[in-house]
Amino acid sequence: MKRTRVSDNKKKIGRPPTGVGTLVGQRWRDDQLEQIDRWAGKQDDTPGRSEAIRRLVELGLKAKK
């Protein structure tokens, strides 16, 4: 009988890796995070904070001056 290690059976937490892109870490002020969370809460699918930030950046990049 094959022995399995506990770590082999753990489900990974978070977004699945895509193999594409660069990881960018940032620090956010509490008031900024509150605004992001409020915006995310108003969306139909209620995205998590990381996805909300991605969407807001996309919207900002598409906005006309």
PDB file of N, CA and C in Angstrom:
ATOM      1  N   MET A   1       0.830  -1.173   0.000  1.00  0.00           N
ATOM      2  CA  MET A   1       0.000   0.000   0.000  1.00  0.00           C
ATOM      3  C   MET A   1       0.883   1.249   0.000  1.00  0.00           C
ATOM      4  N   LYS A   2       0.594   2.159  -0.901  1.00  0.00           N
ATOM      5  CA  LYS A   2       1.395   3.366  -1.020  1.00  0.00           C
ATOM      6  C   LYS A   2       1.044   4.344   0.095  1.00  0.00           C
ATOM      7  N   ARG A   3       2.062   4.918   0.684  1.00  0.00           N
ATOM      8  CA  ARG A   3       1.843   5.909   1.731  1.00  0.00           C
ATOM      9  C   ARG A   3       1.709   7.284   1.083  1.00  0.00           C
ATOM     10  N   THR A   4       0.727   8.037   1.546  1.00  0.00           N
ATOM     11  CA  THR A   4       0.569   9.399   1.039  1.00  0.00           C
ATOM     12  C   THR A   4       0.947  10.376   2.134  1.00  0.00           C
ATOM     13  N   ARG A   5       1.538  11.447   1.714  1.00  0.00           N
ATOM     14  CA  ARG A   5       1.907  12.482   2.666  1.00  0.00           C
ATOM     15  C   ARG A   5       0.732  13.429   2.827  1.00  0.00           C
ATOM     16  N   VAL A   6       0.574  13.943   4.016  1.00  0.00           N
ATOM     17  CA  VAL A   6      -0.529  14.856   4.295  1.00  0.00           C
ATOM     18  C   VAL A   6      -0.472  16.055   3.361  1.00  0.00           C
ATOM     19  N   SER A   7       0.716  16.569   3.078  1.00  0.00           N
ATOM     20  CA  SER A   7       0.853  17.759   2.229  1.00  0.00           C
ATOM     21  C   SER A   7       0.437  17.481   0.778  1.00  0.00           C
ATOM     22  N   ASP A   8       0.457  16.215   0.352  1.00  0.00           N
ATOM     23  CA  ASP A   8       0.060  15.881  -1.013  1.00  0.00           C
ATOM     24  C   ASP A   8      -1.447  16.023  -1.225  1.00  0.00           C
ATOM     25  N   ASN A   9      -2.223  15.950  -0.155  1.00  0.00           N
ATOM     26  CA  ASN A   9      -3.673  15.967  -0.266  1.00  0.00           C
ATOM     27  C   ASN A   9      -4.291  17.326   0.037  1.00  0.00           C
ATOM     28  N   LYS A  10      -3.487  18.316   0.387  1.00  0.00           N
ATOM     29  CA  LYS A  10      -4.031  19.624   0.744  1.00  0.00           C
ATOM     30  C   LYS A  10      -4.505  20.370  -0.492  1.00  0.00           C
ATOM     31  N   LYS A  11      -5.680  20.979  -0.365  1.00  0.00           N
ATOM     32  CA  LYS A  11      -6.189  21.806  -1.446  1.00  0.00           C
ATOM     33  C   LYS A  11      -5.511  23.167  -1.370  1.00  0.00           C
ATOM     34  N   LYS A  12      -5.074  23.659  -2.492  1.00  0.00           N
ATOM     35  CA  LYS A  12      -4.408  24.951  -2.509  1.00  0.00           C
ATOM     36  C   LYS A  12      -5.433  26.068  -2.380  1.00  0.00           C
ATOM     37  N   ILE A  13      -5.077  27.074  -1.629  1.00  0.00           N
ATOM     38  CA  ILE A  13      -5.955  28.218  -1.392  1.00  0.00           C
ATOM     39  C   ILE A  13      -5.595  29.328  -2.374  1.00  0.00           C
ATOM     40  N   GLY A  14      -6.612  30.056  -2.828  1.00  0.00           N
ATOM     41  CA  GLY A  14      -6.363  31.208  -3.683  1.00  0.00           C
ATOM     42  C   GLY A  14      -6.634  30.919  -5.145  1.00  0.00           C
ATOM     43  N   ARG A  15      -6.366  31.917  -5.938  1.00  0.00           N
ATOM     44  CA  ARG A  15      -6.580  31.823  -7.372  1.00  0.00           C
ATOM     45  C   ARG A  15      -5.604  30.825  -7.971  1.00  0.00           C
ATOM     46  N   PRO A  16      -6.079  29.964  -8.877  1.00  0.00           N
ATOM     47  CA  PRO A  16      -5.156  29.003  -9.487  1.00  0.00           C
ATOM     48  C   PRO A  16      -4.097  29.718 -10.325  1.00  0.00           C
ATOM     49  N   PRO A  17      -2.873  29.215 -10.321  1.00  0.00           N
ATOM     50  CA  PRO A  17      -1.818  29.870 -11.087  1.00  0.00           C
ATOM     51  C   PRO A  17      -2.094  29.794 -12.590  1.00  0.00           C
ATOM     52  N   THR A  18      -1.834  30.884 -13.273  1.00  0.00           N
ATOM     53  CA  THR A  18      -2.054  30.926 -14.715  1.00  0.00           C
ATOM     54  C   THR A  18      -0.751  30.728 -15.476  1.00  0.00           C
ATOM     55  N   GLY A  19       0.361  30.948 -14.784  1.00  0.00           N
ATOM     56  CA  GLY A  19       1.648  30.848 -15.457  1.00  0.00           C
ATOM     57  C   GLY A  19       1.955  32.081 -16.275  1.00  0.00           C
ATOM     58  N   VAL A  20       1.066  33.063 -16.218  1.00  0.00           N
ATOM     59  CA  VAL A  20       1.226  34.273 -17.005  1.00  0.00           C
ATOM     60  C   VAL A  20       1.181  35.470 -16.068  1.00  0.00           C
ATOM     61  N   GLY A  21       2.023  36.445 -16.320  1.00  0.00           N
ATOM     62  CA  GLY A  21       1.958  37.684 -15.553  1.00  0.00           C
ATOM     63  C   GLY A  21       3.044  37.774 -14.497  1.00  0.00           C
ATOM     64  N   THR A  22       3.112  38.957 -13.918  1.00  0.00           N
ATOM     65  CA  THR A  22       4.098  39.262 -12.904  1.00  0.00           C
ATOM     66  C   THR A  22       3.390  39.598 -11.605  1.00  0.00           C
ATOM     67  N   LEU A  23       3.841  39.020 -10.517  1.00  0.00           N
ATOM     68  CA  LEU A  23       3.282  39.306  -9.216  1.00  0.00           C
ATOM     69  C   LEU A  23       3.681  40.710  -8.791  1.00  0.00           C
ATOM     70  N   VAL A  24       2.691  41.510  -8.369  1.00  0.00           N
ATOM     71  CA  VAL A  24       2.949  42.863  -7.895  1.00  0.00           C
ATOM     72  C   VAL A  24       2.349  42.988  -6.500  1.00  0.00           C
ATOM     73  N   GLY A  25       3.179  43.253  -5.528  1.00  0.00           N
ATOM     74  CA  GLY A  25       2.704  43.430  -4.154  1.00  0.00           C
ATOM     75  C   GLY A  25       2.635  44.910  -3.823  1.00  0.00           C
ATOM     76  N   GLN A  26       1.588  45.310  -3.142  1.00  0.00           N
ATOM     77  CA  GLN A  26       1.426  46.711  -2.787  1.00  0.00           C
ATOM     78  C   GLN A  26       0.850  46.846  -1.398  1.00  0.00           C
ATOM     79  N   ARG A  27       1.095  47.982  -0.788  1.00  0.00           N
ATOM     80  CA  ARG A  27       0.471  48.315   0.484  1.00  0.00           C
ATOM     81  C   ARG A  27      -0.630  49.320   0.209  1.00  0.00           C
ATOM     82  N   TRP A  28      -1.776  49.133   0.870  1.00  0.00           N
ATOM     83  CA  TRP A  28      -2.925  50.013   0.682  1.00  0.00           C
ATOM     84  C   TRP A  28      -3.340  50.577   2.031  1.00  0.00           C
ATOM     85  N   ARG A  29      -3.770  51.816   2.027  1.00  0.00           N
ATOM     86  CA  ARG A  29      -4.299  52.427   3.250  1.00  0.00           C
ATOM     87  C   ARG A  29      -5.680  51.842   3.540  1.00  0.00           C
ATOM     88  N   ASP A  30      -6.070  51.884   4.802  1.00  0.00           N
ATOM     89  CA  ASP A  30      -7.364  51.331   5.203  1.00  0.00           C
ATOM     90  C   ASP A  30      -8.525  51.984   4.462  1.00  0.00           C
ATOM     91  N   ASP A  31      -8.473  53.305   4.276  1.00  0.00           N
ATOM     92  CA  ASP A  31      -9.577  53.995   3.592  1.00  0.00           C
ATOM     93  C   ASP A  31      -9.678  53.572   2.128  1.00  0.00           C
ATOM     94  N   GLN A  32      -8.538  53.298   1.491  1.00  0.00           N
ATOM     95  CA  GLN A  32      -8.557  52.830   0.106  1.00  0.00           C
ATOM     96  C   GLN A  32      -9.165  51.425   0.027  1.00  0.00           C
ATOM     97  N   LEU A  33      -8.777  50.570   0.951  1.00  0.00           N
ATOM     98  CA  LEU A  33      -9.310  49.204   0.966  1.00  0.00           C
ATOM     99  C   LEU A  33     -10.814  49.209   1.222  1.00  0.00           C
ATOM    100  N   GLU A  34     -11.268  50.094   2.070  1.00  0.00           N
ATOM    101  CA  GLU A  34     -12.706  50.199   2.329  1.00  0.00           C
ATOM    102  C   GLU A  34     -13.455  50.596   1.060  1.00  0.00           C
ATOM    103  N   GLN A  35     -12.886  51.536   0.308  1.00  0.00           N
ATOM    104  CA  GLN A  35     -13.513  51.951  -0.948  1.00  0.00           C
ATOM    105  C   GLN A  35     -13.549  50.811  -1.953  1.00  0.00           C
ATOM    106  N   ILE A  36     -12.461  50.074  -2.050  1.00  0.00           N
ATOM    107  CA  ILE A  36     -12.394  48.928  -2.969  1.00  0.00           C
ATOM    108  C   ILE A  36     -13.418  47.878  -2.559  1.00  0.00           C
ATOM    109  N   ASP A  37     -13.484  47.584  -1.268  1.00  0.00           N
ATOM    110  CA  ASP A  37     -14.435  46.580  -0.776  1.00  0.00           C
ATOM    111  C   ASP A  37     -15.883  47.016  -1.008  1.00  0.00           C
ATOM    112  N   ARG A  38     -16.179  48.309  -0.817  1.00  0.00           N
ATOM    113  CA  ARG A  38     -17.537  48.816  -1.084  1.00  0.00           C
ATOM    114  C   ARG A  38     -17.882  48.665  -2.560  1.00  0.00           C
ATOM    115  N   TRP A  39     -16.928  49.015  -3.426  1.00  0.00           N
ATOM    116  CA  TRP A  39     -17.147  48.896  -4.870  1.00  0.00           C
ATOM    117  C   TRP A  39     -17.410  47.434  -5.228  1.00  0.00           C
ATOM    118  N   ALA A  40     -16.591  46.542  -4.694  1.00  0.00           N
ATOM    119  CA  ALA A  40     -16.741  45.111  -4.987  1.00  0.00           C
ATOM    120  C   ALA A  40     -18.102  44.607  -4.522  1.00  0.00           C
ATOM    121  N   GLY A  41     -18.565  45.084  -3.373  1.00  0.00           N
ATOM    122  CA  GLY A  41     -19.845  44.653  -2.834  1.00  0.00           C
ATOM    123  C   GLY A  41     -21.030  45.066  -3.694  1.00  0.00           C
ATOM    124  N   LYS A  42     -20.852  46.092  -4.506  1.00  0.00           N
ATOM    125  CA  LYS A  42     -21.929  46.567  -5.378  1.00  0.00           C
ATOM    126  C   LYS A  42     -21.974  45.826  -6.716  1.00  0.00           C
ATOM    127  N   GLN A  43     -20.967  45.004  -6.993  1.00  0.00           N
ATOM    128  CA  GLN A  43     -20.927  44.262  -8.247  1.00  0.00           C
ATOM    129  C   GLN A  43     -21.838  43.039  -8.157  1.00  0.00           C
ATOM    130  N   ASP A  44     -22.375  42.636  -9.298  1.00  0.00           N
ATOM    131  CA  ASP A  44     -23.307  41.497  -9.336  1.00  0.00           C
ATOM    132  C   ASP A  44     -22.707  40.207  -8.789  1.00  0.00           C
ATOM    133  N   ASP A  45     -21.441  39.956  -9.096  1.00  0.00           N
ATOM    134  CA  ASP A  45     -20.818  38.690  -8.679  1.00  0.00           C
ATOM    135  C   ASP A  45     -19.947  38.836  -7.434  1.00  0.00           C
ATOM    136  N   THR A  46     -19.926  39.995  -6.817  1.00  0.00           N
ATOM    137  CA  THR A  46     -19.156  40.282  -5.606  1.00  0.00           C
ATOM    138  C   THR A  46     -17.745  39.680  -5.665  1.00  0.00           C
ATOM    139  N   PRO A  47     -16.870  40.263  -6.480  1.00  0.00           N
ATOM    140  CA  PRO A  47     -15.511  39.724  -6.588  1.00  0.00           C
ATOM    141  C   PRO A  47     -14.729  39.923  -5.286  1.00  0.00           C
ATOM    142  N   GLY A  48     -13.714  39.121  -5.119  1.00  0.00           N
ATOM    143  CA  GLY A  48     -12.815  39.301  -3.982  1.00  0.00           C
ATOM    144  C   GLY A  48     -11.979  40.553  -4.194  1.00  0.00           C
ATOM    145  N   ARG A  49     -11.233  40.909  -3.197  1.00  0.00           N
ATOM    146  CA  ARG A  49     -10.457  42.158  -3.249  1.00  0.00           C
ATOM    147  C   ARG A  49      -9.457  42.174  -4.409  1.00  0.00           C
ATOM    148  N   SER A  50      -8.725  41.079  -4.628  1.00  0.00           N
ATOM    149  CA  SER A  50      -7.730  41.049  -5.707  1.00  0.00           C
ATOM    150  C   SER A  50      -8.385  41.237  -7.068  1.00  0.00           C
ATOM    151  N   GLU A  51      -9.487  40.532  -7.295  1.00  0.00           N
ATOM    152  CA  GLU A  51     -10.200  40.649  -8.565  1.00  0.00           C
ATOM    153  C   GLU A  51     -10.787  42.041  -8.713  1.00  0.00           C
ATOM    154  N   ALA A  52     -11.282  42.618  -7.630  1.00  0.00           N
ATOM    155  CA  ALA A  52     -11.832  43.974  -7.678  1.00  0.00           C
ATOM    156  C   ALA A  52     -10.748  44.970  -8.088  1.00  0.00           C
ATOM    157  N   ILE A  53      -9.559  44.827  -7.527  1.00  0.00           N
ATOM    158  CA  ILE A  53      -8.455  45.727  -7.888  1.00  0.00           C
ATOM    159  C   ILE A  53      -8.103  45.564  -9.360  1.00  0.00           C
ATOM    160  N   ARG A  54      -8.065  44.317  -9.857  1.00  0.00           N
ATOM    161  CA  ARG A  54      -7.777  44.088 -11.280  1.00  0.00           C
ATOM    162  C   ARG A  54      -8.803  44.805 -12.156  1.00  0.00           C
ATOM    163  N   ARG A  55     -10.087  44.658 -11.790  1.00  0.00           N
ATOM    164  CA  ARG A  55     -11.148  45.273 -12.587  1.00  0.00           C
ATOM    165  C   ARG A  55     -11.083  46.791 -12.548  1.00  0.00           C
ATOM    166  N   LEU A  56     -10.799  47.348 -11.373  1.00  0.00           N
ATOM    167  CA  LEU A  56     -10.707  48.802 -11.258  1.00  0.00           C
ATOM    168  C   LEU A  56      -9.529  49.350 -12.064  1.00  0.00           C
ATOM    169  N   VAL A  57      -8.424  48.641 -12.063  1.00  0.00           N
ATOM    170  CA  VAL A  57      -7.272  49.058 -12.872  1.00  0.00           C
ATOM    171  C   VAL A  57      -7.662  49.017 -14.354  1.00  0.00           C
ATOM    172  N   GLU A  58      -8.338  47.947 -14.774  1.00  0.00           N
ATOM    173  CA  GLU A  58      -8.793  47.818 -16.172  1.00  0.00           C
ATOM    174  C   GLU A  58      -9.690  48.996 -16.540  1.00  0.00           C
ATOM    175  N   LEU A  59     -10.638  49.331 -15.671  1.00  0.00           N
ATOM    176  CA  LEU A  59     -11.520  50.455 -15.928  1.00  0.00           C
ATOM    177  C   LEU A  59     -10.742  51.760 -16.037  1.00  0.00           C
ATOM    178  N   GLY A  60      -9.784  51.931 -15.165  1.00  0.00           N
ATOM    179  CA  GLY A  60      -8.957  53.144 -15.201  1.00  0.00           C
ATOM    180  C   GLY A  60      -8.146  53.244 -16.480  1.00  0.00           C
ATOM    181  N   LEU A  61      -7.632  52.121 -16.944  1.00  0.00           N
ATOM    182  CA  LEU A  61      -6.825  52.126 -18.170  1.00  0.00           C
ATOM    183  C   LEU A  61      -7.678  52.384 -19.412  1.00  0.00           C
ATOM    184  N   LYS A  62      -8.944  51.990 -19.359  1.00  0.00           N
ATOM    185  CA  LYS A  62      -9.842  52.197 -20.500  1.00  0.00           C
ATOM    186  C   LYS A  62     -10.482  53.576 -20.506  1.00  0.00           C
ATOM    187  N   ALA A  63     -10.440  54.277 -19.373  1.00  0.00           N
ATOM    188  CA  ALA A  63     -11.119  55.583 -19.258  1.00  0.00           C
ATOM    189  C   ALA A  63     -10.466  56.605 -20.178  1.00  0.00           C
ATOM    190  N   LYS A  64     -11.317  57.433 -20.767  1.00  0.00           N
ATOM    191  CA  LYS A  64     -10.808  58.507 -21.613  1.00  0.00           C
ATOM    192  C   LYS A  64     -10.575  59.740 -20.759  1.00  0.00           C
ATOM    193  N   LYS A  65      -9.573  60.497 -21.126  1.00  0.00           N
ATOM    194  CA  LYS A  65      -9.279  61.726 -20.383  1.00  0.00           C
ATOM    195  C   LYS A  65     -10.145  62.861 -20.850  1.00  0.00           C
TER     196      LYS A  65
END
